[in-house]
C-alpha atoms as a PDB file:
ATOM      1  CA  PRO A   1     -39.460 -84.512  54.952  1.00  0.00           C
ATOM      2  CA  THR A   2     -42.890 -82.653  55.933  1.00  0.00           C
ATOM      3  CA  GLU A   3     -45.793 -81.001  54.247  1.00  0.00           C
ATOM      4  CA  GLY A   4     -44.443 -77.553  53.256  1.00  0.00           C
ATOM      5  CA  GLU A   5     -40.860 -77.506  53.339  1.00  0.00           C
ATOM      6  CA  THR A   6     -39.460 -76.058  50.252  1.00  0.00           C
ATOM      7  CA  LEU A   7     -36.124 -76.362  48.625  1.00  0.00           C
ATOM      8  CA  ARG A   8     -34.632 -73.595  46.034  1.00  0.00           C
ATOM      9  CA  VAL A   9     -32.060 -75.818  43.593  1.00  0.00           C
ATOM     10  CA  ASN A  10     -30.286 -74.157  39.969  1.00  0.00           C
ATOM     11  CA  GLY A  11     -33.109 -71.479  40.232  1.00  0.00           C
ATOM     12  CA  VAL A  12     -36.016 -73.863  40.767  1.00  0.00           C
ATOM     13  CA  VAL A  13     -37.993 -74.593  44.468  1.00  0.00           C
ATOM     14  CA  LEU A  14     -39.489 -77.503  44.983  1.00  0.00           C
ATOM     15  CA  THR A  15     -42.214 -77.336  48.007  1.00  0.00           C
ATOM     16  CA  VAL A  16     -43.823 -80.429  49.560  1.00  0.00           C
ATOM     17  CA  LEU A  17     -47.353 -81.056  49.271  1.00  0.00           C
ATOM     18  CA  ALA A  18     -47.757 -84.167  50.647  1.00  0.00           C
ATOM     19  CA  ALA A  19     -45.622 -86.722  52.427  1.00  0.00           C
ATOM     20  CA  GLU A  20     -45.571 -90.070  53.800  1.00  0.00           C
ATOM     21  CA  PRO A  21     -42.928 -91.170  56.439  1.00  0.00           C
ATOM     22  CA  THR A  22     -40.681 -92.648  54.307  1.00  0.00           C
ATOM     23  CA  ARG A  23     -41.367 -90.496  50.933  1.00  0.00           C
ATOM     24  CA  VAL A  24     -42.651 -87.398  49.007  1.00  0.00           C
ATOM     25  CA  THR A  25     -45.726 -88.187  47.380  1.00  0.00           C
ATOM     26  CA  ARG A  26     -46.306 -84.958  45.618  1.00  0.00           C
ATOM     27  CA  VAL A  27     -44.462 -81.809  45.190  1.00  0.00           C
ATOM     28  CA  ARG A  28     -44.883 -77.906  43.821  1.00  0.00           C
ATOM     29  CA  VAL A  29     -42.377 -77.355  41.232  1.00  0.00           C
ATOM     30  CA  GLU A  30     -41.855 -74.006  40.514  1.00  0.00           C
ATOM     31  CA  ARG A  31     -38.847 -72.100  38.322  1.00  0.00           C
ATOM     32  CA  ALA A  32     -37.394 -69.127  40.489  1.00  0.00           C
ATOM     33  CA  GLU A  33     -37.445 -66.227  38.375  1.00  0.00           C
ATOM     34  CA  ALA A  34     -40.487 -67.337  36.207  1.00  0.00           C
ATOM     35  CA  SER A  35     -42.101 -64.097  34.366  1.00  0.00           C
ATOM     36  CA  GLU A  36     -45.620 -65.954  34.127  1.00  0.00           C
ATOM     37  CA  PRO A  37     -46.691 -67.285  37.397  1.00  0.00           C
ATOM     38  CA  SER A  38     -48.637 -69.834  35.320  1.00  0.00           C
ATOM     39  CA  GLU A  39     -46.042 -70.648  33.053  1.00  0.00           C
ATOM     40  CA  ALA A  40     -44.002 -71.230  36.294  1.00  0.00           C
ATOM     41  CA  VAL A  41     -46.193 -74.128  38.385  1.00  0.00           C
ATOM     42  CA  GLN A  42     -46.307 -77.580  38.105  1.00  0.00           C
ATOM     43  CA  VAL A  43     -47.650 -80.231  40.044  1.00  0.00           C
ATOM     44  CA  TRP A  44     -46.329 -83.461  40.629  1.00  0.00           C
ATOM     45  CA  ASP A  45     -48.398 -86.493  42.239  1.00  0.00           C
ATOM     46  CA  ALA A  46     -46.989 -89.931  42.965  1.00  0.00           C
ATOM     47  CA  GLY A  47     -50.467 -91.494  43.209  1.00  0.00           C
ATOM     48  CA  GLY A  48     -49.933 -90.565  47.090  1.00  0.00           C
ATOM     49  CA  LYS A  49     -54.022 -90.671  48.129  1.00  0.00           C
END
């Protein structure tokens, strides 16, 4: 995976924010049909640098 790649699954949009050659270290998770943007966005960080 590369930074900026987006995947949509079951109404959820995953965007790669940071990646290494063999793993994703940070993603943004959004509900595709969210009514409030502030409620829709979460960032997951695997402790990448």
